[in-house]
Amino acid sequence: MPKIGMRDIRRAQLIDATLQSIDQSGLSGTTLASVAQHANISTGIVSHYFGGKDGLLEATMRHVLHDLWEATMRRRQAAKDEPRARLRAIVAANFDVSQVSSPVMKTWLAFWAESMHQPALRRLQRINTRRLHSNLCAEFEQVLPNTAARRAASGLAALIDGLWLRGALTGEPFDTKTALRIANDYIDLLLDARAKARPGKSSR
């Protein structure tokens, strides 16, 4: 009889091995055998838990997305109870250490490419996109009209993705400070402009 919790331990081990394999060999070079080698187990065990390479990538991305969700919740809860601080918290979560390591960045890039061809991955991508947009909208709507809030949310989401993508493609350690400064300047630009348009009221 397997030990209690062994399944979760084994899955976590294999997901970590998948991240390592993609980091070193890319998605095309990642196979059940390479993952098994990184995890120091048999290929049959990898197949037993995930079925195949597609299942491995989906499980790995679910793990990465869960880390992103946890970072977002943690940072929003720790932020001041006002829109500007919570927007900055959401931005910071997307550049959290869990999202900018080399293995995770390369896995994200592989995921984006594969999501155009695999329905299961495309669903995950849509969920992530909608979650980010919804979180940003909820904060912008505290200080902007609905239409302007949705437009601001779309703009900030695009800026976050663009900053992350450009940073990932440099092949160098991610410059988190610069990314945060640029994204936060965008938030300040929108909220300060709104405050100036409404004398006597402030978004701070």
C-alpha atoms as a PDB file:
ATOM      1  CA  MET A   1       0.000   0.000   0.000  1.00  0.00           C
ATOM      2  CA  PRO A   2       1.493   3.413  -0.947  1.00  0.00           C
ATOM      3  CA  LYS A   3       2.288   5.850   1.832  1.00  0.00           C
ATOM      4  CA  ILE A   4      -0.224   8.586   2.542  1.00  0.00           C
ATOM      5  CA  GLY A   5       0.702  11.665   0.533  1.00  0.00           C
ATOM      6  CA  MET A   6       3.172   9.831  -1.690  1.00  0.00           C
ATOM      7  CA  ARG A   7       1.167  10.639  -4.824  1.00  0.00           C
ATOM      8  CA  ASP A   8       1.358  14.388  -4.157  1.00  0.00           C
ATOM      9  CA  ILE A   9       5.060  14.134  -3.327  1.00  0.00           C
ATOM     10  CA  ARG A  10       5.747  12.199  -6.521  1.00  0.00           C
ATOM     11  CA  ARG A  11       3.759  14.619  -8.695  1.00  0.00           C
ATOM     12  CA  ALA A  12       5.611  17.598  -7.203  1.00  0.00           C
ATOM     13  CA  GLN A  13       8.918  15.834  -7.853  1.00  0.00           C
ATOM     14  CA  LEU A  14       8.006  15.210 -11.486  1.00  0.00           C
ATOM     15  CA  ILE A  15       6.775  18.756 -12.038  1.00  0.00           C
ATOM     16  CA  ASP A  16      10.080  20.071 -10.700  1.00  0.00           C
ATOM     17  CA  ALA A  17      11.912  17.654 -13.016  1.00  0.00           C
ATOM     18  CA  THR A  18       9.847  18.929 -15.955  1.00  0.00           C
ATOM     19  CA  LEU A  19      10.823  22.519 -15.158  1.00  0.00           C
ATOM     20  CA  GLN A  20      14.475  21.491 -15.029  1.00  0.00           C
ATOM     21  CA  SER A  21      14.251  19.611 -18.312  1.00  0.00           C
ATOM     22  CA  ILE A  22      12.584  22.499 -20.138  1.00  0.00           C
ATOM     23  CA  ASP A  23      15.160  24.890 -18.681  1.00  0.00           C
ATOM     24  CA  GLN A  24      18.051  22.797 -19.950  1.00  0.00           C
ATOM     25  CA  SER A  25      16.682  21.305 -23.187  1.00  0.00           C
ATOM     26  CA  GLY A  26      13.602  23.298 -24.163  1.00  0.00           C
ATOM     27  CA  LEU A  27      10.177  21.819 -24.715  1.00  0.00           C
ATOM     28  CA  SER A  28      11.219  19.970 -27.878  1.00  0.00           C
ATOM     29  CA  GLY A  29      14.024  18.263 -25.987  1.00  0.00           C
ATOM     30  CA  THR A  30      11.862  17.397 -23.004  1.00  0.00           C
ATOM     31  CA  THR A  31      10.587  13.812 -23.048  1.00  0.00           C
ATOM     32  CA  LEU A  32       9.242  11.368 -20.505  1.00  0.00           C
ATOM     33  CA  ALA A  33      12.736   9.876 -20.420  1.00  0.00           C
ATOM     34  CA  SER A  34      14.453  13.216 -19.753  1.00  0.00           C
ATOM     35  CA  VAL A  35      11.999  14.023 -16.969  1.00  0.00           C
ATOM     36  CA  ALA A  36      12.502  10.572 -15.494  1.00  0.00           C
ATOM     37  CA  GLN A  37      16.257  11.098 -15.600  1.00  0.00           C
ATOM     38  CA  HIS A  38      16.015  14.431 -13.771  1.00  0.00           C
ATOM     39  CA  ALA A  39      13.749  12.843 -11.151  1.00  0.00           C
ATOM     40  CA  ASN A  40      15.934   9.729 -10.938  1.00  0.00           C
ATOM     41  CA  ILE A  41      12.976   7.401 -11.467  1.00  0.00           C
ATOM     42  CA  SER A  42      11.726   5.127 -14.243  1.00  0.00           C
ATOM     43  CA  THR A  43       9.976   6.438 -17.351  1.00  0.00           C
ATOM     44  CA  GLY A  44       7.053   4.169 -16.535  1.00  0.00           C
ATOM     45  CA  ILE A  45       6.351   6.094 -13.317  1.00  0.00           C
ATOM     46  CA  VAL A  46       6.228   9.382 -15.226  1.00  0.00           C
ATOM     47  CA  SER A  47       3.783   7.852 -17.701  1.00  0.00           C
ATOM     48  CA  HIS A  48       1.696   6.454 -14.835  1.00  0.00           C
ATOM     49  CA  TYR A  49       1.180   9.875 -13.259  1.00  0.00           C
ATOM     50  CA  PHE A  50       0.794  12.074 -16.333  1.00  0.00           C
ATOM     51  CA  GLY A  51       0.149   9.839 -19.317  1.00  0.00           C
ATOM     52  CA  GLY A  52       2.445  11.705 -21.680  1.00  0.00           C
ATOM     53  CA  LYS A  53       4.303  14.901 -22.453  1.00  0.00           C
ATOM     54  CA  ASP A  54       1.114  16.937 -22.925  1.00  0.00           C
ATOM     55  CA  GLY A  55      -0.112  15.889 -19.508  1.00  0.00           C
ATOM     56  CA  LEU A  56       3.219  16.826 -17.981  1.00  0.00           C
ATOM     57  CA  LEU A  57       3.152  20.329 -19.461  1.00  0.00           C
ATOM     58  CA  GLU A  58      -0.457  20.894 -18.390  1.00  0.00           C
ATOM     59  CA  ALA A  59       0.251  19.764 -14.816  1.00  0.00           C
ATOM     60  CA  THR A  60       3.398  21.881 -14.686  1.00  0.00           C
ATOM     61  CA  MET A  61       1.550  24.976 -15.860  1.00  0.00           C
ATOM     62  CA  ARG A  62      -1.252  24.381 -13.378  1.00  0.00           C
ATOM     63  CA  HIS A  63       1.434  24.385 -10.700  1.00  0.00           C
ATOM     64  CA  VAL A  64       2.982  27.615 -12.008  1.00  0.00           C
ATOM     65  CA  LEU A  65      -0.434  29.277 -12.268  1.00  0.00           C
ATOM     66  CA  HIS A  66      -1.253  28.212  -8.722  1.00  0.00           C
ATOM     67  CA  ASP A  67       1.974  29.842  -7.544  1.00  0.00           C
ATOM     68  CA  LEU A  68       0.945  33.024  -9.374  1.00  0.00           C
ATOM     69  CA  TRP A  69      -2.513  32.940  -7.780  1.00  0.00           C
ATOM     70  CA  GLU A  70      -1.004  32.466  -4.314  1.00  0.00           C
ATOM     71  CA  ALA A  71       1.437  35.336  -4.855  1.00  0.00           C
ATOM     72  CA  THR A  72      -1.413  37.588  -5.985  1.00  0.00           C
ATOM     73  CA  MET A  73      -3.614  36.748  -2.987  1.00  0.00           C
ATOM     74  CA  ARG A  74      -0.732  37.128  -0.538  1.00  0.00           C
ATOM     75  CA  ARG A  75       0.388  40.488  -1.885  1.00  0.00           C
ATOM     76  CA  ARG A  76      -3.130  41.923  -2.202  1.00  0.00           C
ATOM     77  CA  GLN A  77      -3.945  40.958   1.375  1.00  0.00           C
ATOM     78  CA  ALA A  78      -0.742  42.566   2.632  1.00  0.00           C
ATOM     79  CA  ALA A  79      -1.312  45.806   0.691  1.00  0.00           C
ATOM     80  CA  LYS A  80      -3.005  48.921   2.032  1.00  0.00           C
ATOM     81  CA  ASP A  81      -6.754  48.906   1.608  1.00  0.00           C
ATOM     82  CA  GLU A  82      -6.830  51.268  -1.374  1.00  0.00           C
ATOM     83  CA  PRO A  83      -6.771  50.763  -5.167  1.00  0.00           C
ATOM     84  CA  ARG A  84      -3.305  52.095  -5.931  1.00  0.00           C
ATOM     85  CA  ALA A  85      -1.611  49.798  -3.421  1.00  0.00           C
ATOM     86  CA  ARG A  86      -3.622  46.763  -4.498  1.00  0.00           C
ATOM     87  CA  LEU A  87      -2.887  47.407  -8.178  1.00  0.00           C
ATOM     88  CA  ARG A  88       0.813  47.565  -7.363  1.00  0.00           C
ATOM     89  CA  ALA A  89       0.430  44.314  -5.424  1.00  0.00           C
ATOM     90  CA  ILE A  90      -1.077  42.582  -8.460  1.00  0.00           C
ATOM     91  CA  VAL A  91       1.778  43.861 -10.618  1.00  0.00           C
ATOM     92  CA  ALA A  92       4.357  42.676  -8.090  1.00  0.00           C
ATOM     93  CA  ALA A  93       2.776  39.213  -8.009  1.00  0.00           C
ATOM     94  CA  ASN A  94       3.287  38.836 -11.749  1.00  0.00           C
ATOM     95  CA  PHE A  95       6.990  39.569 -11.248  1.00  0.00           C
ATOM     96  CA  ASP A  96       7.209  37.453  -8.103  1.00  0.00           C
ATOM     97  CA  VAL A  97      10.293  35.263  -7.685  1.00  0.00           C
ATOM     98  CA  SER A  98       8.100  32.251  -8.443  1.00  0.00           C
ATOM     99  CA  GLN A  99       7.410  33.672 -11.915  1.00  0.00           C
ATOM    100  CA  VAL A 100      10.818  34.955 -13.031  1.00  0.00           C
ATOM    101  CA  SER A 101      13.208  32.061 -12.464  1.00  0.00           C
ATOM    102  CA  SER A 102      14.819  30.667 -15.616  1.00  0.00           C
ATOM    103  CA  PRO A 103      12.936  27.317 -15.542  1.00  0.00           C
ATOM    104  CA  VAL A 104       9.574  28.995 -15.015  1.00  0.00           C
ATOM    105  CA  MET A 105      10.112  31.672 -17.656  1.00  0.00           C
ATOM    106  CA  LYS A 106      11.097  29.086 -20.259  1.00  0.00           C
ATOM    107  CA  THR A 107       8.098  26.965 -19.312  1.00  0.00           C
ATOM    108  CA  TRP A 108       5.792  29.965 -19.666  1.00  0.00           C
ATOM    109  CA  LEU A 109       7.166  30.618 -23.156  1.00  0.00           C
ATOM    110  CA  ALA A 110       6.635  26.969 -24.110  1.00  0.00           C
ATOM    111  CA  PHE A 111       3.131  27.073 -22.660  1.00  0.00           C
ATOM    112  CA  TRP A 112       2.150  30.156 -24.651  1.00  0.00           C
ATOM    113  CA  ALA A 113       3.328  28.554 -27.883  1.00  0.00           C
ATOM    114  CA  GLU A 114       1.640  25.217 -27.199  1.00  0.00           C
ATOM    115  CA  SER A 115      -1.615  26.825 -26.030  1.00  0.00           C
ATOM    116  CA  MET A 116      -2.294  27.819 -29.634  1.00  0.00           C
ATOM    117  CA  HIS A 117      -2.494  24.130 -30.543  1.00  0.00           C
ATOM    118  CA  GLN A 118      -3.758  22.314 -27.458  1.00  0.00           C
ATOM    119  CA  PRO A 119      -7.314  23.005 -26.188  1.00  0.00           C
ATOM    120  CA  ALA A 120      -6.491  22.104 -22.560  1.00  0.00           C
ATOM    121  CA  LEU A 121      -3.623  24.586 -22.482  1.00  0.00           C
ATOM    122  CA  ARG A 122      -5.670  27.200 -24.301  1.00  0.00           C
ATOM    123  CA  ARG A 123      -8.298  26.958 -21.553  1.00  0.00           C
ATOM    124  CA  LEU A 124      -5.638  27.531 -18.909  1.00  0.00           C
ATOM    125  CA  GLN A 125      -4.351  30.556 -20.788  1.00  0.00           C
ATOM    126  CA  ARG A 126      -7.860  32.025 -21.042  1.00  0.00           C
ATOM    127  CA  ILE A 127      -8.465  31.471 -17.332  1.00  0.00           C
ATOM    128  CA  ASN A 128      -5.224  33.231 -16.470  1.00  0.00           C
ATOM    129  CA  THR A 129      -5.938  36.137 -18.826  1.00  0.00           C
ATOM    130  CA  ARG A 130      -9.457  36.624 -17.476  1.00  0.00           C
ATOM    131  CA  ARG A 131      -8.293  36.374 -13.869  1.00  0.00           C
ATOM    132  CA  LEU A 132      -5.676  39.093 -14.336  1.00  0.00           C
ATOM    133  CA  HIS A 133      -8.096  41.361 -16.187  1.00  0.00           C
ATOM    134  CA  SER A 134     -10.803  40.823 -13.561  1.00  0.00           C
ATOM    135  CA  ASN A 135      -8.436  41.591 -10.682  1.00  0.00           C
ATOM    136  CA  LEU A 136      -7.211  44.771 -12.350  1.00  0.00           C
ATOM    137  CA  CYS A 137     -10.731  45.877 -13.289  1.00  0.00           C
ATOM    138  CA  ALA A 138     -11.942  45.410  -9.718  1.00  0.00           C
ATOM    139  CA  GLU A 139      -9.344  47.903  -8.496  1.00  0.00           C
ATOM    140  CA  PHE A 140      -9.554  50.416 -11.322  1.00  0.00           C
ATOM    141  CA  GLU A 141     -13.358  50.496 -10.982  1.00  0.00           C
ATOM    142  CA  GLN A 142     -12.927  51.930  -7.495  1.00  0.00           C
ATOM    143  CA  VAL A 143     -11.656  55.178  -9.011  1.00  0.00           C
ATOM    144  CA  LEU A 144     -12.556  55.140 -12.721  1.00  0.00           C
ATOM    145  CA  PRO A 145     -15.816  54.834 -14.680  1.00  0.00           C
ATOM    146  CA  ASN A 146     -16.487  51.274 -15.872  1.00  0.00           C
ATOM    147  CA  THR A 147     -15.420  51.789 -19.486  1.00  0.00           C
ATOM    148  CA  ALA A 148     -12.250  53.621 -18.503  1.00  0.00           C
ATOM    149  CA  ALA A 149     -11.518  50.974 -15.842  1.00  0.00           C
ATOM    150  CA  ARG A 150     -11.748  48.140 -18.370  1.00  0.00           C
ATOM    151  CA  ARG A 151      -9.511  50.039 -20.781  1.00  0.00           C
ATOM    152  CA  ALA A 152      -7.000  50.738 -18.022  1.00  0.00           C
ATOM    153  CA  ALA A 153      -7.052  47.077 -16.980  1.00  0.00           C
ATOM    154  CA  SER A 154      -6.417  45.939 -20.555  1.00  0.00           C
ATOM    155  CA  GLY A 155      -3.549  48.396 -20.894  1.00  0.00           C
ATOM    156  CA  LEU A 156      -1.890  47.368 -17.635  1.00  0.00           C
ATOM    157  CA  ALA A 157      -2.312  43.660 -18.407  1.00  0.00           C
ATOM    158  CA  ALA A 158      -0.655  44.193 -21.791  1.00  0.00           C
ATOM    159  CA  LEU A 159       2.157  46.154 -20.143  1.00  0.00           C
ATOM    160  CA  ILE A 160       2.722  43.394 -17.570  1.00  0.00           C
ATOM    161  CA  ASP A 161       2.859  40.719 -20.283  1.00  0.00           C
ATOM    162  CA  GLY A 162       5.107  42.834 -22.470  1.00  0.00           C
ATOM    163  CA  LEU A 163       7.562  43.637 -19.697  1.00  0.00           C
ATOM    164  CA  TRP A 164       7.652  39.998 -18.637  1.00  0.00           C
ATOM    165  CA  LEU A 165       8.152  38.779 -22.215  1.00  0.00           C
ATOM    166  CA  ARG A 166      10.929  41.243 -23.003  1.00  0.00           C
ATOM    167  CA  GLY A 167      12.661  40.354 -19.759  1.00  0.00           C
ATOM    168  CA  ALA A 168      12.341  36.628 -20.411  1.00  0.00           C
ATOM    169  CA  LEU A 169      13.825  36.917 -23.889  1.00  0.00           C
ATOM    170  CA  THR A 170      16.988  38.709 -22.763  1.00  0.00           C
ATOM    171  CA  GLY A 171      18.421  35.460 -21.439  1.00  0.00           C
ATOM    172  CA  GLU A 172      19.654  37.368 -18.391  1.00  0.00           C
ATOM    173  CA  PRO A 173      18.341  37.535 -14.801  1.00  0.00           C
ATOM    174  CA  PHE A 174      14.994  39.303 -14.794  1.00  0.00           C
ATOM    175  CA  ASP A 175      15.201  43.008 -13.932  1.00  0.00           C
ATOM    176  CA  THR A 176      12.299  43.088 -11.499  1.00  0.00           C
ATOM    177  CA  LYS A 177      12.962  46.611 -10.213  1.00  0.00           C
ATOM    178  CA  THR A 178      12.758  48.162 -13.659  1.00  0.00           C
ATOM    179  CA  ALA A 179       9.628  46.226 -14.584  1.00  0.00           C
ATOM    180  CA  LEU A 180       7.906  47.299 -11.372  1.00  0.00           C
ATOM    181  CA  ARG A 181       8.911  50.925 -11.853  1.00  0.00           C
ATOM    182  CA  ILE A 182       7.519  51.061 -15.391  1.00  0.00           C
ATOM    183  CA  ALA A 183       4.247  49.324 -14.514  1.00  0.00           C
ATOM    184  CA  ASN A 184       3.755  51.406 -11.368  1.00  0.00           C
ATOM    185  CA  ASP A 185       4.423  54.613 -13.320  1.00  0.00           C
ATOM    186  CA  TYR A 186       1.554  53.601 -15.615  1.00  0.00           C
ATOM    187  CA  ILE A 187      -0.741  53.110 -12.621  1.00  0.00           C
ATOM    188  CA  ASP A 188       0.265  56.485 -11.193  1.00  0.00           C
ATOM    189  CA  LEU A 189      -0.262  58.190 -14.546  1.00  0.00           C
ATOM    190  CA  LEU A 190      -3.838  56.937 -14.798  1.00  0.00           C
ATOM    191  CA  LEU A 191      -4.830  57.491 -11.180  1.00  0.00           C
ATOM    192  CA  ASP A 192      -3.164  60.886 -10.846  1.00  0.00           C
ATOM    193  CA  ALA A 193      -4.817  62.087 -14.044  1.00  0.00           C
ATOM    194  CA  ARG A 194      -8.169  60.989 -12.633  1.00  0.00           C
ATOM    195  CA  ALA A 195      -7.490  62.756  -9.338  1.00  0.00           C
ATOM    196  CA  LYS A 196      -6.612  66.006 -11.135  1.00  0.00           C
ATOM    197  CA  ALA A 197      -9.811  65.748 -13.171  1.00  0.00           C
ATOM    198  CA  ARG A 198     -11.820  65.589  -9.946  1.00  0.00           C
ATOM    199  CA  PRO A 199     -10.721  68.492  -7.716  1.00  0.00           C
ATOM    200  CA  GLY A 200     -10.951  67.773  -4.021  1.00  0.00           C
ATOM    201  CA  LYS A 201     -10.794  64.001  -4.480  1.00  0.00           C
ATOM    202  CA  SER A 202      -7.786  61.712  -4.510  1.00  0.00           C
ATOM    203  CA  SER A 203      -7.219  58.067  -5.380  1.00  0.00           C
ATOM    204  CA  ARG A 204      -4.537  57.712  -2.694  1.00  0.00           C
END
